[in-house]
Structure formats: structure tokens, C-alpha cells
C-alpha atoms as a PDB file:
ATOM      1  CA  GLU A   1     -71.812   4.532  19.877  1.00  0.00           C
ATOM      2  CA  GLY A   2     -71.465   6.478  23.088  1.00  0.00           C
ATOM      3  CA  HIS A   3     -73.909   4.327  25.087  1.00  0.00           C
ATOM      4  CA  ASP A   4     -73.451   2.257  28.225  1.00  0.00           C
ATOM      5  CA  VAL A   5     -74.257  -1.369  27.363  1.00  0.00           C
ATOM      6  CA  LEU A   6     -75.418  -4.187  29.628  1.00  0.00           C
ATOM      7  CA  ILE A   7     -75.293  -7.636  28.042  1.00  0.00           C
ATOM      8  CA  VAL A   8     -77.648 -10.166  29.645  1.00  0.00           C
ATOM      9  CA  ASP A   9     -77.139 -13.869  28.962  1.00  0.00           C
ATOM     10  CA  ASP A  10     -78.517 -17.085  30.403  1.00  0.00           C
ATOM     11  CA  ILE A  11     -75.311 -19.017  31.091  1.00  0.00           C
ATOM     12  CA  TYR A  12     -71.571 -18.453  31.336  1.00  0.00           C
ATOM     13  CA  ASP A  13     -69.561 -21.591  30.618  1.00  0.00           C
ATOM     14  CA  ILE A  14     -66.233 -20.707  28.989  1.00  0.00           C
ATOM     15  CA  GLY A  15     -67.165 -17.200  27.884  1.00  0.00           C
ATOM     16  CA  LEU A  16     -66.793 -17.260  24.096  1.00  0.00           C
ATOM     17  CA  THR A  17     -70.254 -15.840  23.341  1.00  0.00           C
ATOM     18  CA  LEU A  18     -69.906 -13.110  25.937  1.00  0.00           C
ATOM     19  CA  GLU A  19     -66.425 -12.169  24.715  1.00  0.00           C
ATOM     20  CA  MET A  20     -67.579 -11.884  21.100  1.00  0.00           C
ATOM     21  CA  ILE A  21     -70.553  -9.671  21.995  1.00  0.00           C
ATOM     22  CA  GLU A  22     -68.470  -7.455  24.272  1.00  0.00           C
ATOM     23  CA  ASN A  23     -65.795  -7.028  21.582  1.00  0.00           C
ATOM     24  CA  TYR A  24     -68.483  -6.092  19.065  1.00  0.00           C
ATOM     25  CA  CYS A  25     -69.993  -3.466  21.390  1.00  0.00           C
ATOM     26  CA  GLU A  26     -66.569  -2.005  22.132  1.00  0.00           C
ATOM     27  CA  SER A  27     -65.705  -1.893  18.417  1.00  0.00           C
ATOM     28  CA  ARG A  28     -68.915   0.088  17.842  1.00  0.00           C
ATOM     29  CA  GLY A  29     -67.815   2.703  20.389  1.00  0.00           C
ATOM     30  CA  ALA A  30     -69.799   1.804  23.500  1.00  0.00           C
ATOM     31  CA  SER A  31     -68.964   4.051  26.461  1.00  0.00           C
ATOM     32  CA  SER A  32     -68.922   1.029  28.754  1.00  0.00           C
ATOM     33  CA  VAL A  33     -69.776  -2.651  28.449  1.00  0.00           C
ATOM     34  CA  ASN A  34     -70.882  -4.782  31.410  1.00  0.00           C
ATOM     35  CA  SER A  35     -72.476  -8.212  31.553  1.00  0.00           C
ATOM     36  CA  ALA A  36     -74.940 -10.155  33.684  1.00  0.00           C
ATOM     37  CA  VAL A  37     -75.619 -13.886  33.549  1.00  0.00           C
ATOM     38  CA  LEU A  38     -78.251 -15.990  35.262  1.00  0.00           C
ATOM     39  CA  VAL A  39     -75.910 -18.966  35.796  1.00  0.00           C
ATOM     40  CA  ARG A  40     -72.143 -19.471  35.885  1.00  0.00           C
ATOM     41  CA  LYS A  41     -70.840 -23.039  35.678  1.00  0.00           C
ATOM     42  CA  ILE A  42     -68.015 -23.957  38.073  1.00  0.00           C
ATOM     43  CA  HIS A  43     -65.286 -26.016  36.346  1.00  0.00           C
ATOM     44  CA  ASP A  44     -61.549 -26.265  35.711  1.00  0.00           C
ATOM     45  CA  ARG A  45     -61.702 -25.665  31.950  1.00  0.00           C
ATOM     46  CA  GLU A  46     -59.978 -22.592  30.561  1.00  0.00           C
ATOM     47  CA  THR A  47     -62.235 -19.563  30.165  1.00  0.00           C
ATOM     48  CA  THR A  48     -61.872 -16.218  28.451  1.00  0.00           C
ATOM     49  CA  ALA A  49     -60.223 -13.397  30.378  1.00  0.00           C
ATOM     50  CA  LYS A  50     -63.445 -11.399  30.689  1.00  0.00           C
ATOM     51  CA  LYS A  51     -65.858 -12.584  33.362  1.00  0.00           C
ATOM     52  CA  PRO A  52     -69.433 -11.352  33.925  1.00  0.00           C
ATOM     53  CA  GLU A  53     -69.758  -8.495  36.397  1.00  0.00           C
ATOM     54  CA  PHE A  54     -73.084  -9.816  37.696  1.00  0.00           C
ATOM     55  CA  ILE A  55     -73.851 -13.505  38.338  1.00  0.00           C
ATOM     56  CA  GLY A  56     -77.223 -14.780  39.528  1.00  0.00           C
ATOM     57  CA  MET A  57     -75.978 -18.171  40.764  1.00  0.00           C
ATOM     58  CA  GLU A  58     -73.115 -20.603  40.370  1.00  0.00           C
ATOM     59  CA  VAL A  59     -73.760 -24.282  39.638  1.00  0.00           C
ATOM     60  CA  GLU A  60     -71.841 -27.520  39.224  1.00  0.00           C
ATOM     61  CA  ASP A  61     -70.551 -28.379  35.767  1.00  0.00           C
ATOM     62  CA  LYS A  62     -73.620 -30.320  34.617  1.00  0.00           C
ATOM     63  CA  TYR A  63     -76.001 -29.968  31.686  1.00  0.00           C
ATOM     64  CA  ILE A  64     -78.696 -27.665  33.037  1.00  0.00           C
ATOM     65  CA  PHE A  65     -82.087 -26.654  31.671  1.00  0.00           C
ATOM     66  CA  GLY A  66     -85.147 -24.582  32.522  1.00  0.00           C
ATOM     67  CA  CYS A  67     -85.674 -20.795  32.767  1.00  0.00           C
ATOM     68  CA  GLY A  68     -85.181 -20.461  29.002  1.00  0.00           C
ATOM     69  CA  MET A  69     -82.388 -23.044  28.669  1.00  0.00           C
ATOM     70  CA  ASP A  70     -83.386 -26.272  26.946  1.00  0.00           C
ATOM     71  CA  ALA A  71     -82.256 -29.876  26.973  1.00  0.00           C
ATOM     72  CA  TYR A  72     -82.713 -31.557  23.597  1.00  0.00           C
ATOM     73  CA  GLU A  73     -85.197 -28.807  22.655  1.00  0.00           C
ATOM     74  CA  HIS A  74     -87.427 -29.578  25.655  1.00  0.00           C
ATOM     75  CA  TRP A  75     -88.137 -28.129  29.127  1.00  0.00           C
ATOM     76  CA  ARG A  76     -87.179 -24.534  28.288  1.00  0.00           C
ATOM     77  CA  HIS A  77     -90.480 -23.374  29.834  1.00  0.00           C
ATOM     78  CA  LEU A  78     -89.712 -24.641  33.362  1.00  0.00           C
ATOM     79  CA  ASP A  79     -89.656 -21.922  36.020  1.00  0.00           C
ATOM     80  CA  GLU A  80     -86.767 -23.613  37.814  1.00  0.00           C
ATOM     81  CA  ILE A  81     -83.291 -24.781  36.823  1.00  0.00           C
ATOM     82  CA  ARG A  82     -82.607 -28.519  36.784  1.00  0.00           C
ATOM     83  CA  ALA A  83     -79.649 -30.694  35.813  1.00  0.00           C
ATOM     84  CA  LEU A  84     -79.603 -33.857  33.737  1.00  0.00           C
ATOM     85  CA  GLU A  85     -78.580 -36.897  35.739  1.00  0.00           C
ATOM     86  CA  SER A  86     -75.162 -38.342  35.023  1.00  0.00           C
ATOM     87  CA  VAL A  87     -75.170 -41.711  33.298  1.00  0.00           C
END
């Protein structure tokens, strides 16, 4: 209550997680709520109305992993972001 909040997340796809957290913070009386994401996926799917204020990079709409994001519970430890090949 009464605090400025910065939400930091790894990836913004359609925005449901971010929207839920922002709504929670606002319902608890945050003075302001802003968000930062490492990666935003570029696609034509519908997203929530609220977009992150700060975006590290934008990537194609592929399954990505590394830098804390995993693929099939592997490769989270990589210090770079990679994409699974299309089949």
C-alpha cells in the first residue's frame, strides 16, 4: 500500500500473468505499477490491454529458452537466449 511497484518478468507473450500481478498490486493500493520484461514475443495473437513499459528485446514467435527460461525443464542455465528449431 502506497508504494511504487516494478514487476520484472522473463517473457511477455499474451500478457495474462503480467495483467494478474498488476491488478493484484493495484488492488492492494500501490501508488504506481510498472513492468519490465526481458523478452517480448512478436505475434498476431490477441494480448491484454496492458503492455510492459520496459522491454529488453523483441523476438520472433518461437519457443525460446535460456537466461532462466527452460525448454522441457532443461537449458535454463544458459547465458544466452535460443529458440527451438521448427519441425
